[in-house]
Amino acid sequence: MSRLGTEKKLSSLEKPREFILWPELCSVENNLQTSTFKMKRNVAKEVFKAQIDEMYVKVTKAEEAREQQAASSLRK
């Protein structure tokens, strides 16, 4: 995914760092889409809150580990 983002010249904000696969479709029936098939972002945010929070924790830990590794390599 990283390679593809670089090839397409995406900024770092446009490159996903973490994602989940969810087995259920977003639909009007499960209240994640409007009748015009637009995503209900506020509902999706609540439905996926635990997964979103977990992804932020993983990304933060990975960034901290990279920073620590860079700092330790500079000290050598």
PDB file of N, CA and C in Angstrom:
ATOM      1  N   MET A   1       0.813  -1.177   0.000  1.00  0.00           N
ATOM      2  CA  MET A   1       0.000   0.000   0.000  1.00  0.00           C
ATOM      3  C   MET A   1       0.864   1.251   0.000  1.00  0.00           C
ATOM      4  N   SER A   2       1.946   1.190   0.740  1.00  0.00           N
ATOM      5  CA  SER A   2       2.854   2.329   0.804  1.00  0.00           C
ATOM      6  C   SER A   2       3.452   2.622  -0.567  1.00  0.00           C
ATOM      7  N   ARG A   3       3.857   1.568  -1.264  1.00  0.00           N
ATOM      8  CA  ARG A   3       4.440   1.727  -2.601  1.00  0.00           C
ATOM      9  C   ARG A   3       3.437   2.358  -3.552  1.00  0.00           C
ATOM     10  N   LEU A   4       2.212   1.910  -3.518  1.00  0.00           N
ATOM     11  CA  LEU A   4       1.178   2.445  -4.392  1.00  0.00           C
ATOM     12  C   LEU A   4       0.919   3.922  -4.088  1.00  0.00           C
ATOM     13  N   GLY A   5       0.890   4.271  -2.813  1.00  0.00           N
ATOM     14  CA  GLY A   5       0.709   5.669  -2.430  1.00  0.00           C
ATOM     15  C   GLY A   5       1.825   6.551  -2.939  1.00  0.00           C
ATOM     16  N   THR A   6       3.043   6.035  -2.899  1.00  0.00           N
ATOM     17  CA  THR A   6       4.191   6.785  -3.415  1.00  0.00           C
ATOM     18  C   THR A   6       4.099   6.928  -4.928  1.00  0.00           C
ATOM     19  N   GLU A   7       3.734   5.848  -5.607  1.00  0.00           N
ATOM     20  CA  GLU A   7       3.589   5.906  -7.073  1.00  0.00           C
ATOM     21  C   GLU A   7       2.539   6.919  -7.498  1.00  0.00           C
ATOM     22  N   LYS A   8       1.462   6.999  -6.728  1.00  0.00           N
ATOM     23  CA  LYS A   8       0.375   7.927  -7.068  1.00  0.00           C
ATOM     24  C   LYS A   8       0.609   9.330  -6.515  1.00  0.00           C
ATOM     25  N   LYS A   9       1.780   9.517  -5.897  1.00  0.00           N
ATOM     26  CA  LYS A   9       2.204  10.807  -5.349  1.00  0.00           C
ATOM     27  C   LYS A   9       1.213  11.360  -4.332  1.00  0.00           C
ATOM     28  N   LEU A  10       0.760  10.472  -3.426  1.00  0.00           N
ATOM     29  CA  LEU A  10      -0.137  10.896  -2.365  1.00  0.00           C
ATOM     30  C   LEU A  10       0.660  11.508  -1.226  1.00  0.00           C
ATOM     31  N   SER A  11       0.067  12.485  -0.563  1.00  0.00           N
ATOM     32  CA  SER A  11       0.725  13.062   0.605  1.00  0.00           C
ATOM     33  C   SER A  11       0.609  12.082   1.765  1.00  0.00           C
ATOM     34  N   SER A  12       1.359  12.303   2.822  1.00  0.00           N
ATOM     35  CA  SER A  12       1.323  11.381   3.960  1.00  0.00           C
ATOM     36  C   SER A  12      -0.064  11.331   4.594  1.00  0.00           C
ATOM     37  N   LEU A  13      -0.814  12.414   4.506  1.00  0.00           N
ATOM     38  CA  LEU A  13      -2.169  12.430   5.059  1.00  0.00           C
ATOM     39  C   LEU A  13      -3.141  11.599   4.234  1.00  0.00           C
ATOM     40  N   GLU A  14      -2.823  11.358   2.981  1.00  0.00           N
ATOM     41  CA  GLU A  14      -3.705  10.600   2.098  1.00  0.00           C
ATOM     42  C   GLU A  14      -3.417   9.100   2.102  1.00  0.00           C
ATOM     43  N   LYS A  15      -2.315   8.706   2.716  1.00  0.00           N
ATOM     44  CA  LYS A  15      -1.925   7.295   2.742  1.00  0.00           C
ATOM     45  C   LYS A  15      -2.458   6.641   4.014  1.00  0.00           C
ATOM     46  N   PRO A  16      -3.289   5.609   3.862  1.00  0.00           N
ATOM     47  CA  PRO A  16      -3.778   4.917   5.063  1.00  0.00           C
ATOM     48  C   PRO A  16      -2.627   4.175   5.747  1.00  0.00           C
ATOM     49  N   ARG A  17      -2.595   4.256   7.053  1.00  0.00           N
ATOM     50  CA  ARG A  17      -1.566   3.544   7.807  1.00  0.00           C
ATOM     51  C   ARG A  17      -2.118   2.253   8.385  1.00  0.00           C
ATOM     52  N   GLU A  18      -3.407   2.233   8.616  1.00  0.00           N
ATOM     53  CA  GLU A  18      -4.070   1.096   9.240  1.00  0.00           C
ATOM     54  C   GLU A  18      -5.478   1.039   8.652  1.00  0.00           C
ATOM     55  N   PHE A  19      -6.010  -0.150   8.503  1.00  0.00           N
ATOM     56  CA  PHE A  19      -7.398  -0.292   8.071  1.00  0.00           C
ATOM     57  C   PHE A  19      -7.947  -1.614   8.571  1.00  0.00           C
ATOM     58  N   ILE A  20      -9.264  -1.717   8.575  1.00  0.00           N
ATOM     59  CA  ILE A  20      -9.901  -2.964   8.978  1.00  0.00           C
ATOM     60  C   ILE A  20     -10.801  -3.442   7.845  1.00  0.00           C
ATOM     61  N   LEU A  21     -11.030  -4.732   7.811  1.00  0.00           N
ATOM     62  CA  LEU A  21     -11.999  -5.307   6.891  1.00  0.00           C
ATOM     63  C   LEU A  21     -13.223  -5.679   7.717  1.00  0.00           C
ATOM     64  N   TRP A  22     -14.362  -5.195   7.292  1.00  0.00           N
ATOM     65  CA  TRP A  22     -15.594  -5.446   8.017  1.00  0.00           C
ATOM     66  C   TRP A  22     -16.481  -6.311   7.138  1.00  0.00           C
ATOM     67  N   PRO A  23     -16.972  -7.445   7.623  1.00  0.00           N
ATOM     68  CA  PRO A  23     -17.689  -8.394   6.769  1.00  0.00           C
ATOM     69  C   PRO A  23     -19.073  -7.939   6.313  1.00  0.00           C
ATOM     70  N   GLU A  24     -19.634  -6.936   6.955  1.00  0.00           N
ATOM     71  CA  GLU A  24     -20.984  -6.492   6.625  1.00  0.00           C
ATOM     72  C   GLU A  24     -20.934  -5.243   5.736  1.00  0.00           C
ATOM     73  N   LEU A  25     -21.806  -5.177   4.754  1.00  0.00           N
ATOM     74  CA  LEU A  25     -21.885  -3.991   3.905  1.00  0.00           C
ATOM     75  C   LEU A  25     -22.515  -2.833   4.662  1.00  0.00           C
ATOM     76  N   CYS A  26     -22.084  -1.643   4.347  1.00  0.00           N
ATOM     77  CA  CYS A  26     -22.755  -0.455   4.872  1.00  0.00           C
ATOM     78  C   CYS A  26     -24.026  -0.273   4.054  1.00  0.00           C
ATOM     79  N   SER A  27     -25.162  -0.176   4.731  1.00  0.00           N
ATOM     80  CA  SER A  27     -26.428  -0.113   4.010  1.00  0.00           C
ATOM     81  C   SER A  27     -27.433   0.753   4.749  1.00  0.00           C
ATOM     82  N   VAL A  28     -28.552   0.999   4.087  1.00  0.00           N
ATOM     83  CA  VAL A  28     -29.652   1.726   4.698  1.00  0.00           C
ATOM     84  C   VAL A  28     -30.230   0.881   5.841  1.00  0.00           C
ATOM     85  N   GLU A  29     -30.285  -0.429   5.640  1.00  0.00           N
ATOM     86  CA  GLU A  29     -30.864  -1.331   6.624  1.00  0.00           C
ATOM     87  C   GLU A  29     -30.113  -1.321   7.955  1.00  0.00           C
ATOM     88  N   ASN A  30     -28.797  -1.228   7.911  1.00  0.00           N
ATOM     89  CA  ASN A  30     -28.040  -1.193   9.172  1.00  0.00           C
ATOM     90  C   ASN A  30     -27.730   0.235   9.622  1.00  0.00           C
ATOM     91  N   ASN A  31     -28.392   1.192   8.988  1.00  0.00           N
ATOM     92  CA  ASN A  31     -28.366   2.611   9.380  1.00  0.00           C
ATOM     93  C   ASN A  31     -27.009   3.287   9.158  1.00  0.00           C
ATOM     94  N   LEU A  32     -26.164   2.729   8.304  1.00  0.00           N
ATOM     95  CA  LEU A  32     -24.882   3.357   8.016  1.00  0.00           C
ATOM     96  C   LEU A  32     -24.934   4.215   6.747  1.00  0.00           C
ATOM     97  N   GLN A  33     -26.032   4.109   5.991  1.00  0.00           N
ATOM     98  CA  GLN A  33     -26.200   4.931   4.797  1.00  0.00           C
ATOM     99  C   GLN A  33     -27.585   5.574   4.805  1.00  0.00           C
ATOM    100  N   THR A  34     -27.661   6.724   4.138  1.00  0.00           N
ATOM    101  CA  THR A  34     -28.941   7.394   3.974  1.00  0.00           C
ATOM    102  C   THR A  34     -29.704   6.722   2.835  1.00  0.00           C
ATOM    103  N   SER A  35     -30.931   7.136   2.623  1.00  0.00           N
ATOM    104  CA  SER A  35     -31.721   6.567   1.527  1.00  0.00           C
ATOM    105  C   SER A  35     -31.149   6.944   0.157  1.00  0.00           C
ATOM    106  N   THR A  36     -30.265   7.953   0.123  1.00  0.00           N
ATOM    107  CA  THR A  36     -29.590   8.333  -1.127  1.00  0.00           C
ATOM    108  C   THR A  36     -28.180   7.736  -1.189  1.00  0.00           C
ATOM    109  N   PHE A  37     -27.917   6.758  -0.317  1.00  0.00           N
ATOM    110  CA  PHE A  37     -26.665   5.978  -0.290  1.00  0.00           C
ATOM    111  C   PHE A  37     -25.425   6.805   0.055  1.00  0.00           C
ATOM    112  N   LYS A  38     -25.619   7.807   0.876  1.00  0.00           N
ATOM    113  CA  LYS A  38     -24.479   8.558   1.409  1.00  0.00           C
ATOM    114  C   LYS A  38     -24.158   7.985   2.784  1.00  0.00           C
ATOM    115  N   MET A  39     -22.877   7.944   3.104  1.00  0.00           N
ATOM    116  CA  MET A  39     -22.454   7.410   4.395  1.00  0.00           C
ATOM    117  C   MET A  39     -22.907   8.341   5.516  1.00  0.00           C
ATOM    118  N   LYS A  40     -23.489   7.766   6.551  1.00  0.00           N
ATOM    119  CA  LYS A  40     -23.827   8.531   7.754  1.00  0.00           C
ATOM    120  C   LYS A  40     -22.576   8.534   8.627  1.00  0.00           C
ATOM    121  N   ARG A  41     -21.759   9.556   8.470  1.00  0.00           N
ATOM    122  CA  ARG A  41     -20.450   9.577   9.126  1.00  0.00           C
ATOM    123  C   ARG A  41     -20.555   9.570  10.640  1.00  0.00           C
ATOM    124  N   ASN A  42     -21.525  10.308  11.164  1.00  0.00           N
ATOM    125  CA  ASN A  42     -21.646  10.347  12.629  1.00  0.00           C
ATOM    126  C   ASN A  42     -22.056   8.983  13.184  1.00  0.00           C
ATOM    127  N   VAL A  43     -22.912   8.258  12.478  1.00  0.00           N
ATOM    128  CA  VAL A  43     -23.314   6.918  12.906  1.00  0.00           C
ATOM    129  C   VAL A  43     -22.128   5.951  12.753  1.00  0.00           C
ATOM    130  N   ALA A  44     -21.435   6.019  11.632  1.00  0.00           N
ATOM    131  CA  ALA A  44     -20.277   5.149  11.397  1.00  0.00           C
ATOM    132  C   ALA A  44     -19.190   5.394  12.444  1.00  0.00           C
ATOM    133  N   LYS A  45     -19.012   6.638  12.815  1.00  0.00           N
ATOM    134  CA  LYS A  45     -18.009   6.977  13.833  1.00  0.00           C
ATOM    135  C   LYS A  45     -18.326   6.275  15.153  1.00  0.00           C
ATOM    136  N   GLU A  46     -19.600   6.234  15.522  1.00  0.00           N
ATOM    137  CA  GLU A  46     -19.997   5.563  16.758  1.00  0.00           C
ATOM    138  C   GLU A  46     -19.914   4.044  16.629  1.00  0.00           C
ATOM    139  N   VAL A  47     -20.359   3.511  15.495  1.00  0.00           N
ATOM    140  CA  VAL A  47     -20.345   2.057  15.281  1.00  0.00           C
ATOM    141  C   VAL A  47     -18.911   1.529  15.317  1.00  0.00           C
ATOM    142  N   PHE A  48     -17.992   2.260  14.707  1.00  0.00           N
ATOM    143  CA  PHE A  48     -16.609   1.797  14.588  1.00  0.00           C
ATOM    144  C   PHE A  48     -15.657   2.462  15.581  1.00  0.00           C
ATOM    145  N   LYS A  49     -16.186   3.082  16.617  1.00  0.00           N
ATOM    146  CA  LYS A  49     -15.354   3.826  17.570  1.00  0.00           C
ATOM    147  C   LYS A  49     -14.238   2.970  18.168  1.00  0.00           C
ATOM    148  N   ALA A  50     -14.569   1.773  18.601  1.00  0.00           N
ATOM    149  CA  ALA A  50     -13.554   0.908  19.219  1.00  0.00           C
ATOM    150  C   ALA A  50     -12.435   0.568  18.235  1.00  0.00           C
ATOM    151  N   GLN A  51     -12.803   0.241  16.988  1.00  0.00           N
ATOM    152  CA  GLN A  51     -11.800  -0.095  15.977  1.00  0.00           C
ATOM    153  C   GLN A  51     -10.955   1.124  15.609  1.00  0.00           C
ATOM    154  N   ILE A  52     -11.583   2.280  15.507  1.00  0.00           N
ATOM    155  CA  ILE A  52     -10.857   3.519  15.182  1.00  0.00           C
ATOM    156  C   ILE A  52      -9.856   3.833  16.291  1.00  0.00           C
ATOM    157  N   ASP A  53     -10.318   3.770  17.538  1.00  0.00           N
ATOM    158  CA  ASP A  53      -9.423   4.041  18.669  1.00  0.00           C
ATOM    159  C   ASP A  53      -8.246   3.068  18.689  1.00  0.00           C
ATOM    160  N   GLU A  54      -8.518   1.794  18.423  1.00  0.00           N
ATOM    161  CA  GLU A  54      -7.459   0.785  18.407  1.00  0.00           C
ATOM    162  C   GLU A  54      -6.432   1.079  17.312  1.00  0.00           C
ATOM    163  N   MET A  55      -6.897   1.517  16.148  1.00  0.00           N
ATOM    164  CA  MET A  55      -5.978   1.846  15.057  1.00  0.00           C
ATOM    165  C   MET A  55      -5.086   3.025  15.434  1.00  0.00           C
ATOM    166  N   TYR A  56      -5.668   4.045  16.079  1.00  0.00           N
ATOM    167  CA  TYR A  56      -4.858   5.190  16.498  1.00  0.00           C
ATOM    168  C   TYR A  56      -3.799   4.768  17.515  1.00  0.00           C
ATOM    169  N   VAL A  57      -4.135   3.866  18.406  1.00  0.00           N
ATOM    170  CA  VAL A  57      -3.164   3.378  19.389  1.00  0.00           C
ATOM    171  C   VAL A  57      -2.013   2.662  18.668  1.00  0.00           C
ATOM    172  N   LYS A  58      -2.341   1.795  17.709  1.00  0.00           N
ATOM    173  CA  LYS A  58      -1.304   1.061  16.967  1.00  0.00           C
ATOM    174  C   LYS A  58      -0.397   2.007  16.193  1.00  0.00           C
ATOM    175  N   VAL A  59      -0.992   2.986  15.525  1.00  0.00           N
ATOM    176  CA  VAL A  59      -0.203   3.931  14.732  1.00  0.00           C
ATOM    177  C   VAL A  59       0.693   4.762  15.639  1.00  0.00           C
ATOM    178  N   THR A  60       0.157   5.211  16.765  1.00  0.00           N
ATOM    179  CA  THR A  60       0.948   6.010  17.706  1.00  0.00           C
ATOM    180  C   THR A  60       2.122   5.207  18.247  1.00  0.00           C
ATOM    181  N   LYS A  61       1.880   3.950  18.615  1.00  0.00           N
ATOM    182  CA  LYS A  61       2.969   3.105  19.118  1.00  0.00           C
ATOM    183  C   LYS A  61       4.033   2.881  18.050  1.00  0.00           C
ATOM    184  N   ALA A  62       3.621   2.662  16.819  1.00  0.00           N
ATOM    185  CA  ALA A  62       4.574   2.455  15.727  1.00  0.00           C
ATOM    186  C   ALA A  62       5.407   3.706  15.488  1.00  0.00           C
ATOM    187  N   GLU A  63       4.762   4.873  15.525  1.00  0.00           N
ATOM    188  CA  GLU A  63       5.497   6.131  15.332  1.00  0.00           C
ATOM    189  C   GLU A  63       6.490   6.360  16.465  1.00  0.00           C
ATOM    190  N   GLU A  64       6.083   6.072  17.691  1.00  0.00           N
ATOM    191  CA  GLU A  64       6.981   6.243  18.839  1.00  0.00           C
ATOM    192  C   GLU A  64       8.179   5.303  18.729  1.00  0.00           C
ATOM    193  N   ALA A  65       7.936   4.082  18.288  1.00  0.00           N
ATOM    194  CA  ALA A  65       9.035   3.119  18.129  1.00  0.00           C
ATOM    195  C   ALA A  65      10.006   3.589  17.058  1.00  0.00           C
ATOM    196  N   ARG A  66       9.470   4.116  15.946  1.00  0.00           N
ATOM    197  CA  ARG A  66      10.339   4.643  14.882  1.00  0.00           C
ATOM    198  C   ARG A  66      11.170   5.819  15.377  1.00  0.00           C
ATOM    199  N   GLU A  67      10.540   6.714  16.140  1.00  0.00           N
ATOM    200  CA  GLU A  67      11.271   7.864  16.676  1.00  0.00           C
ATOM    201  C   GLU A  67      12.371   7.429  17.632  1.00  0.00           C
ATOM    202  N   GLN A  68      12.091   6.448  18.489  1.00  0.00           N
ATOM    203  CA  GLN A  68      13.088   5.944  19.423  1.00  0.00           C
ATOM    204  C   GLN A  68      14.246   5.285  18.675  1.00  0.00           C
ATOM    205  N   GLN A  69      13.916   4.551  17.629  1.00  0.00           N
ATOM    206  CA  GLN A  69      14.952   3.886  16.847  1.00  0.00           C
ATOM    207  C   GLN A  69      15.810   4.929  16.143  1.00  0.00           C
ATOM    208  N   ALA A  70      15.204   5.971  15.608  1.00  0.00           N
ATOM    209  CA  ALA A  70      15.966   7.033  14.945  1.00  0.00           C
ATOM    210  C   ALA A  70      16.852   7.763  15.938  1.00  0.00           C
ATOM    211  N   ALA A  71      16.327   8.032  17.112  1.00  0.00           N
ATOM    212  CA  ALA A  71      17.101   8.724  18.146  1.00  0.00           C
ATOM    213  C   ALA A  71      18.280   7.877  18.608  1.00  0.00           C
ATOM    214  N   SER A  72      18.075   6.582  18.757  1.00  0.00           N
ATOM    215  CA  SER A  72      19.170   5.717  19.223  1.00  0.00           C
ATOM    216  C   SER A  72      20.228   5.560  18.130  1.00  0.00           C
ATOM    217  N   SER A  73      19.839   5.580  16.861  1.00  0.00           N
ATOM    218  CA  SER A  73      20.822   5.461  15.794  1.00  0.00           C
ATOM    219  C   SER A  73      21.622   6.756  15.652  1.00  0.00           C
ATOM    220  N   LEU A  74      21.041   7.897  16.014  1.00  0.00           N
ATOM    221  CA  LEU A  74      21.783   9.164  15.984  1.00  0.00           C
ATOM    222  C   LEU A  74      22.803   9.252  17.094  1.00  0.00           C
ATOM    223  N   ARG A  75      22.512   8.600  18.226  1.00  0.00           N
ATOM    224  CA  ARG A  75      23.422   8.634  19.370  1.00  0.00           C
ATOM    225  C   ARG A  75      24.684   7.791  19.128  1.00  0.00           C
ATOM    226  N   LYS A  76      24.608   6.854  18.212  1.00  0.00           N
ATOM    227  CA  LYS A  76      25.748   5.950  17.972  1.00  0.00           C
ATOM    228  C   LYS A  76      26.842   6.589  17.199  1.00  0.00           C
TER     229      LYS A  76
END
